[in-house]
Amino acid sequence: MTPSKELVFCRMDGTRVKLDPAALSQMLAFRQTRTCHPEAGGVLLGRYIVGCRDVVVDEVTIPMAGDWRLPFFFRRSHSRHQQVIDARWAASRGTCQYLGEWHTHPEPIPGPSSTDIADWRRRLRTDRFDGDSLLFIIVGIREVRVWEGSRGDRAFTLLQPAGGTELARGDSRGGGSVP
């Protein structure tokens, strides 16, 4: 099923993170509806809106040759995904940016594992990116959840779904519901 609307999340300061319907659809295609299905993931690509802190995730990479995919583990191939990042950045003349990472979990309401947190902190410390934060998305069976990680203190904030978005009927735990 292809979502007809974007999924929007609010940051603590009221600015928004929008997941474009095409990017959301690509991630949802890899939902782990059975625990025997391998995790999937990739990078988030998009843009910062001029004049505010809003962010739009326009595109995601999907699993590629060289990625490690197991039912409870995903590690992306650096070189293959980096080639896509570099190509999109060049084609857009620097407006398409690396915004973070996404992956799946075989649970209805996903949460980061200790391995995820360690990987996210490493990315905040070592990855090259514009801005002060990266986004981290986990796609669960029923919900899509988004965390923002701060480069400075490497702390993570679970973003809340914005009201008025059809797919973002998450509960107080902060997930956006998916069909």
C-alpha atoms as a PDB file:
ATOM      1  CA  MET A   1       0.000   0.000   0.000  1.00  0.00           C
ATOM      2  CA  THR A   2       1.318   3.443  -0.940  1.00  0.00           C
ATOM      3  CA  PRO A   3       0.610   6.167   1.612  1.00  0.00           C
ATOM      4  CA  SER A   4      -1.277   9.077   0.057  1.00  0.00           C
ATOM      5  CA  LYS A   5      -0.055  11.608   2.569  1.00  0.00           C
ATOM      6  CA  GLU A   6       3.238  12.443   4.128  1.00  0.00           C
ATOM      7  CA  LEU A   7       4.009  11.599   7.716  1.00  0.00           C
ATOM      8  CA  VAL A   8       4.950  14.660   9.762  1.00  0.00           C
ATOM      9  CA  PHE A   9       6.682  14.786  13.138  1.00  0.00           C
ATOM     10  CA  CYS A  10       7.196  17.780  15.452  1.00  0.00           C
ATOM     11  CA  ARG A  11      10.387  18.705  17.210  1.00  0.00           C
ATOM     12  CA  MET A  12      10.384  20.165  20.709  1.00  0.00           C
ATOM     13  CA  ASP A  13      10.758  23.697  19.277  1.00  0.00           C
ATOM     14  CA  GLY A  14       7.707  23.249  17.021  1.00  0.00           C
ATOM     15  CA  THR A  15       9.606  22.792  13.778  1.00  0.00           C
ATOM     16  CA  ARG A  16       8.699  19.807  11.630  1.00  0.00           C
ATOM     17  CA  VAL A  17      10.213  16.758   9.996  1.00  0.00           C
ATOM     18  CA  LYS A  18       8.215  15.612   6.965  1.00  0.00           C
ATOM     19  CA  LEU A  19       8.543  12.163   5.397  1.00  0.00           C
ATOM     20  CA  ASP A  20       7.589  12.377   1.732  1.00  0.00           C
ATOM     21  CA  PRO A  21       5.001   9.744   0.683  1.00  0.00           C
ATOM     22  CA  ALA A  22       7.413   8.095  -1.787  1.00  0.00           C
ATOM     23  CA  ALA A  23      10.176   7.793   0.822  1.00  0.00           C
ATOM     24  CA  LEU A  24       7.709   6.509   3.416  1.00  0.00           C
ATOM     25  CA  SER A  25       6.359   3.954   0.943  1.00  0.00           C
ATOM     26  CA  GLN A  26       9.852   2.624   0.251  1.00  0.00           C
ATOM     27  CA  MET A  27      10.530   2.129   3.965  1.00  0.00           C
ATOM     28  CA  LEU A  28       7.127   0.531   4.592  1.00  0.00           C
ATOM     29  CA  ALA A  29       7.788  -1.983   1.812  1.00  0.00           C
ATOM     30  CA  PHE A  30      10.447  -3.535   4.070  1.00  0.00           C
ATOM     31  CA  ARG A  31       8.347  -3.839   7.253  1.00  0.00           C
ATOM     32  CA  GLN A  32       9.199  -7.051   9.092  1.00  0.00           C
ATOM     33  CA  THR A  33       5.792  -8.652   9.428  1.00  0.00           C
ATOM     34  CA  ARG A  34       7.445 -11.914  10.494  1.00  0.00           C
ATOM     35  CA  THR A  35      10.422 -12.353  12.796  1.00  0.00           C
ATOM     36  CA  CYS A  36      12.129 -14.528  10.175  1.00  0.00           C
ATOM     37  CA  HIS A  37      12.246 -11.576   7.746  1.00  0.00           C
ATOM     38  CA  PRO A  38      15.602  -9.773   7.802  1.00  0.00           C
ATOM     39  CA  GLU A  39      15.951  -6.185   8.958  1.00  0.00           C
ATOM     40  CA  ALA A  40      16.336  -3.597   6.216  1.00  0.00           C
ATOM     41  CA  GLY A  41      17.589  -0.049   6.163  1.00  0.00           C
ATOM     42  CA  GLY A  42      19.418   2.726   4.451  1.00  0.00           C
ATOM     43  CA  VAL A  43      20.072   6.453   4.560  1.00  0.00           C
ATOM     44  CA  LEU A  44      17.717   9.426   4.637  1.00  0.00           C
ATOM     45  CA  LEU A  45      18.193  12.081   1.956  1.00  0.00           C
ATOM     46  CA  GLY A  46      16.426  15.400   1.762  1.00  0.00           C
ATOM     47  CA  ARG A  47      16.536  19.096   2.370  1.00  0.00           C
ATOM     48  CA  TYR A  48      16.455  21.798   4.973  1.00  0.00           C
ATOM     49  CA  ILE A  49      13.784  24.421   4.363  1.00  0.00           C
ATOM     50  CA  VAL A  50      15.324  27.884   3.983  1.00  0.00           C
ATOM     51  CA  GLY A  51      14.402  30.321   6.723  1.00  0.00           C
ATOM     52  CA  CYS A  52      13.395  27.740   9.326  1.00  0.00           C
ATOM     53  CA  ARG A  53      14.528  24.450  10.864  1.00  0.00           C
ATOM     54  CA  ASP A  54      11.971  22.276   9.039  1.00  0.00           C
ATOM     55  CA  VAL A  55      13.344  19.220   7.246  1.00  0.00           C
ATOM     56  CA  VAL A  56      11.905  17.151   4.391  1.00  0.00           C
ATOM     57  CA  VAL A  57      13.010  13.556   3.826  1.00  0.00           C
ATOM     58  CA  ASP A  58      12.530  13.259   0.071  1.00  0.00           C
ATOM     59  CA  GLU A  59      14.271   9.956  -0.564  1.00  0.00           C
ATOM     60  CA  VAL A  60      15.727   6.918   1.162  1.00  0.00           C
ATOM     61  CA  THR A  61      18.164   4.308   0.017  1.00  0.00           C
ATOM     62  CA  ILE A  62      16.974   0.722   0.268  1.00  0.00           C
ATOM     63  CA  PRO A  63      18.990  -2.435   1.012  1.00  0.00           C
ATOM     64  CA  MET A  64      21.847  -2.970  -1.411  1.00  0.00           C
ATOM     65  CA  ALA A  65      24.434  -5.605  -2.193  1.00  0.00           C
ATOM     66  CA  GLY A  66      26.968  -5.662   0.610  1.00  0.00           C
ATOM     67  CA  ASP A  67      24.483  -4.842   3.396  1.00  0.00           C
ATOM     68  CA  TRP A  68      24.288  -7.318   6.290  1.00  0.00           C
ATOM     69  CA  ARG A  69      20.665  -8.324   6.828  1.00  0.00           C
ATOM     70  CA  LEU A  70      19.556 -10.707   9.558  1.00  0.00           C
ATOM     71  CA  PRO A  71      16.235 -10.985  11.424  1.00  0.00           C
ATOM     72  CA  PHE A  72      17.554  -8.874  14.322  1.00  0.00           C
ATOM     73  CA  PHE A  73      20.455  -7.005  12.738  1.00  0.00           C
ATOM     74  CA  PHE A  74      21.160  -4.598   9.894  1.00  0.00           C
ATOM     75  CA  ARG A  75      24.405  -2.940   8.878  1.00  0.00           C
ATOM     76  CA  ARG A  76      24.552  -1.014   5.663  1.00  0.00           C
ATOM     77  CA  SER A  77      27.422  -1.113   3.196  1.00  0.00           C
ATOM     78  CA  HIS A  78      29.185   2.219   3.511  1.00  0.00           C
ATOM     79  CA  SER A  79      30.470   2.499  -0.048  1.00  0.00           C
ATOM     80  CA  ARG A  80      27.264   1.673  -1.958  1.00  0.00           C
ATOM     81  CA  HIS A  81      25.011   3.981   0.033  1.00  0.00           C
ATOM     82  CA  GLN A  82      27.702   6.688   0.011  1.00  0.00           C
ATOM     83  CA  GLN A  83      27.734   6.559  -3.800  1.00  0.00           C
ATOM     84  CA  VAL A  84      24.021   7.436  -3.783  1.00  0.00           C
ATOM     85  CA  ILE A  85      24.556  10.237  -1.238  1.00  0.00           C
ATOM     86  CA  ASP A  86      27.370  11.714  -3.353  1.00  0.00           C
ATOM     87  CA  ALA A  87      25.407  11.421  -6.617  1.00  0.00           C
ATOM     88  CA  ARG A  88      22.272  13.089  -5.180  1.00  0.00           C
ATOM     89  CA  TRP A  89      24.324  15.866  -3.587  1.00  0.00           C
ATOM     90  CA  ALA A  90      26.136  16.579  -6.874  1.00  0.00           C
ATOM     91  CA  ALA A  91      22.963  16.414  -9.008  1.00  0.00           C
ATOM     92  CA  SER A  92      21.179  18.827  -6.647  1.00  0.00           C
ATOM     93  CA  ARG A  93      24.155  21.209  -6.477  1.00  0.00           C
ATOM     94  CA  GLY A  94      24.409  20.650  -2.751  1.00  0.00           C
ATOM     95  CA  THR A  95      20.770  20.957  -1.739  1.00  0.00           C
ATOM     96  CA  CYS A  96      20.080  17.222  -1.266  1.00  0.00           C
ATOM     97  CA  GLN A  97      21.661  16.345   2.064  1.00  0.00           C
ATOM     98  CA  TYR A  98      22.414  13.261   4.141  1.00  0.00           C
ATOM     99  CA  LEU A  99      19.883  13.552   6.996  1.00  0.00           C
ATOM    100  CA  GLY A 100      20.335  10.295   8.890  1.00  0.00           C
ATOM    101  CA  GLU A 101      19.532   6.580   8.907  1.00  0.00           C
ATOM    102  CA  TRP A 102      16.524   4.272   8.871  1.00  0.00           C
ATOM    103  CA  HIS A 103      15.982   0.595   9.544  1.00  0.00           C
ATOM    104  CA  THR A 104      13.252  -1.870  10.462  1.00  0.00           C
ATOM    105  CA  HIS A 105      12.422  -3.808  13.619  1.00  0.00           C
ATOM    106  CA  PRO A 106      10.127  -6.868  13.866  1.00  0.00           C
ATOM    107  CA  GLU A 107       7.930  -5.330  16.559  1.00  0.00           C
ATOM    108  CA  PRO A 108       4.675  -3.342  16.429  1.00  0.00           C
ATOM    109  CA  ILE A 109       5.980  -0.272  18.271  1.00  0.00           C
ATOM    110  CA  PRO A 110       9.717  -0.110  17.638  1.00  0.00           C
ATOM    111  CA  GLY A 111      12.364   1.141  20.013  1.00  0.00           C
ATOM    112  CA  PRO A 112      16.127   1.392  19.611  1.00  0.00           C
ATOM    113  CA  SER A 113      18.298  -1.438  20.890  1.00  0.00           C
ATOM    114  CA  SER A 114      21.567  -0.795  22.713  1.00  0.00           C
ATOM    115  CA  THR A 115      23.305  -1.635  19.411  1.00  0.00           C
ATOM    116  CA  ASP A 116      21.202   1.024  17.654  1.00  0.00           C
ATOM    117  CA  ILE A 117      22.041   3.668  20.271  1.00  0.00           C
ATOM    118  CA  ALA A 118      25.761   2.890  20.048  1.00  0.00           C
ATOM    119  CA  ASP A 119      25.641   3.085  16.238  1.00  0.00           C
ATOM    120  CA  TRP A 120      23.682   6.355  16.324  1.00  0.00           C
ATOM    121  CA  ARG A 121      26.190   7.907  18.742  1.00  0.00           C
ATOM    122  CA  ARG A 122      29.069   6.792  16.506  1.00  0.00           C
ATOM    123  CA  ARG A 123      27.374   8.379  13.496  1.00  0.00           C
ATOM    124  CA  LEU A 124      26.872  11.656  15.354  1.00  0.00           C
ATOM    125  CA  ARG A 125      30.560  11.610  16.266  1.00  0.00           C
ATOM    126  CA  THR A 126      32.090  10.512  12.948  1.00  0.00           C
ATOM    127  CA  ASP A 127      29.689  11.074  10.020  1.00  0.00           C
ATOM    128  CA  ARG A 128      30.015  14.248   7.946  1.00  0.00           C
ATOM    129  CA  PHE A 129      26.753  16.191   7.800  1.00  0.00           C
ATOM    130  CA  ASP A 130      25.384  19.713   7.801  1.00  0.00           C
ATOM    131  CA  GLY A 131      23.485  20.944  10.813  1.00  0.00           C
ATOM    132  CA  ASP A 132      23.586  19.978  14.459  1.00  0.00           C
ATOM    133  CA  SER A 133      21.611  16.751  14.364  1.00  0.00           C
ATOM    134  CA  LEU A 134      20.754  13.570  12.484  1.00  0.00           C
ATOM    135  CA  LEU A 135      17.433  11.775  12.194  1.00  0.00           C
ATOM    136  CA  PHE A 136      17.020   8.093  13.025  1.00  0.00           C
ATOM    137  CA  ILE A 137      13.900   6.249  11.906  1.00  0.00           C
ATOM    138  CA  ILE A 138      12.795   2.795  12.971  1.00  0.00           C
ATOM    139  CA  VAL A 139       9.963   1.224  10.976  1.00  0.00           C
ATOM    140  CA  GLY A 140       7.934  -1.197  13.056  1.00  0.00           C
ATOM    141  CA  ILE A 141       5.008  -3.375  12.107  1.00  0.00           C
ATOM    142  CA  ARG A 142       2.384  -0.803  13.206  1.00  0.00           C
ATOM    143  CA  GLU A 143       4.315   2.397  13.780  1.00  0.00           C
ATOM    144  CA  VAL A 144       7.100   4.472  12.332  1.00  0.00           C
ATOM    145  CA  ARG A 145       9.100   6.290  14.984  1.00  0.00           C
ATOM    146  CA  VAL A 146      11.639   9.081  14.548  1.00  0.00           C
ATOM    147  CA  TRP A 147      14.422  10.169  16.885  1.00  0.00           C
ATOM    148  CA  GLU A 148      16.623  13.215  16.515  1.00  0.00           C
ATOM    149  CA  GLY A 149      20.186  12.902  17.741  1.00  0.00           C
ATOM    150  CA  SER A 150      22.180  15.967  18.762  1.00  0.00           C
ATOM    151  CA  ARG A 151      25.781  16.253  17.577  1.00  0.00           C
ATOM    152  CA  GLY A 152      26.818  18.172  20.710  1.00  0.00           C
ATOM    153  CA  ASP A 153      25.700  15.940  23.568  1.00  0.00           C
ATOM    154  CA  ARG A 154      24.750  12.864  21.493  1.00  0.00           C
ATOM    155  CA  ALA A 155      21.350  12.785  23.202  1.00  0.00           C
ATOM    156  CA  PHE A 156      18.233  11.503  21.444  1.00  0.00           C
ATOM    157  CA  THR A 157      14.719  12.917  21.393  1.00  0.00           C
ATOM    158  CA  LEU A 158      11.709  10.918  20.254  1.00  0.00           C
ATOM    159  CA  LEU A 159       9.715  13.152  17.901  1.00  0.00           C
ATOM    160  CA  GLN A 160       5.951  13.319  18.204  1.00  0.00           C
ATOM    161  CA  PRO A 161       3.586  12.928  15.231  1.00  0.00           C
ATOM    162  CA  ALA A 162       1.949  16.151  14.086  1.00  0.00           C
ATOM    163  CA  GLY A 163      -1.814  16.400  14.284  1.00  0.00           C
ATOM    164  CA  GLY A 164      -3.870  16.411  11.140  1.00  0.00           C
ATOM    165  CA  THR A 165      -1.781  13.884   9.254  1.00  0.00           C
ATOM    166  CA  GLU A 166      -3.791  10.772   8.419  1.00  0.00           C
ATOM    167  CA  LEU A 167      -0.952   8.298   9.042  1.00  0.00           C
ATOM    168  CA  ALA A 168       0.329  10.022  12.177  1.00  0.00           C
ATOM    169  CA  ARG A 169      -2.231   8.762  14.659  1.00  0.00           C
ATOM    170  CA  GLY A 170       0.364   7.590  17.121  1.00  0.00           C
ATOM    171  CA  ASP A 171      -0.222   7.285  20.813  1.00  0.00           C
ATOM    172  CA  SER A 172       1.593   9.173  23.554  1.00  0.00           C
ATOM    173  CA  ARG A 173       4.710   7.070  22.943  1.00  0.00           C
ATOM    174  CA  GLY A 174       5.367   9.083  19.794  1.00  0.00           C
ATOM    175  CA  GLY A 175       4.913   6.759  16.850  1.00  0.00           C
ATOM    176  CA  GLY A 176       3.118   7.406  13.619  1.00  0.00           C
ATOM    177  CA  SER A 177       0.620   4.647  12.836  1.00  0.00           C
ATOM    178  CA  VAL A 178       0.879   2.856   9.538  1.00  0.00           C
ATOM    179  CA  PRO A 179      -1.762   0.807   7.746  1.00  0.00           C
END
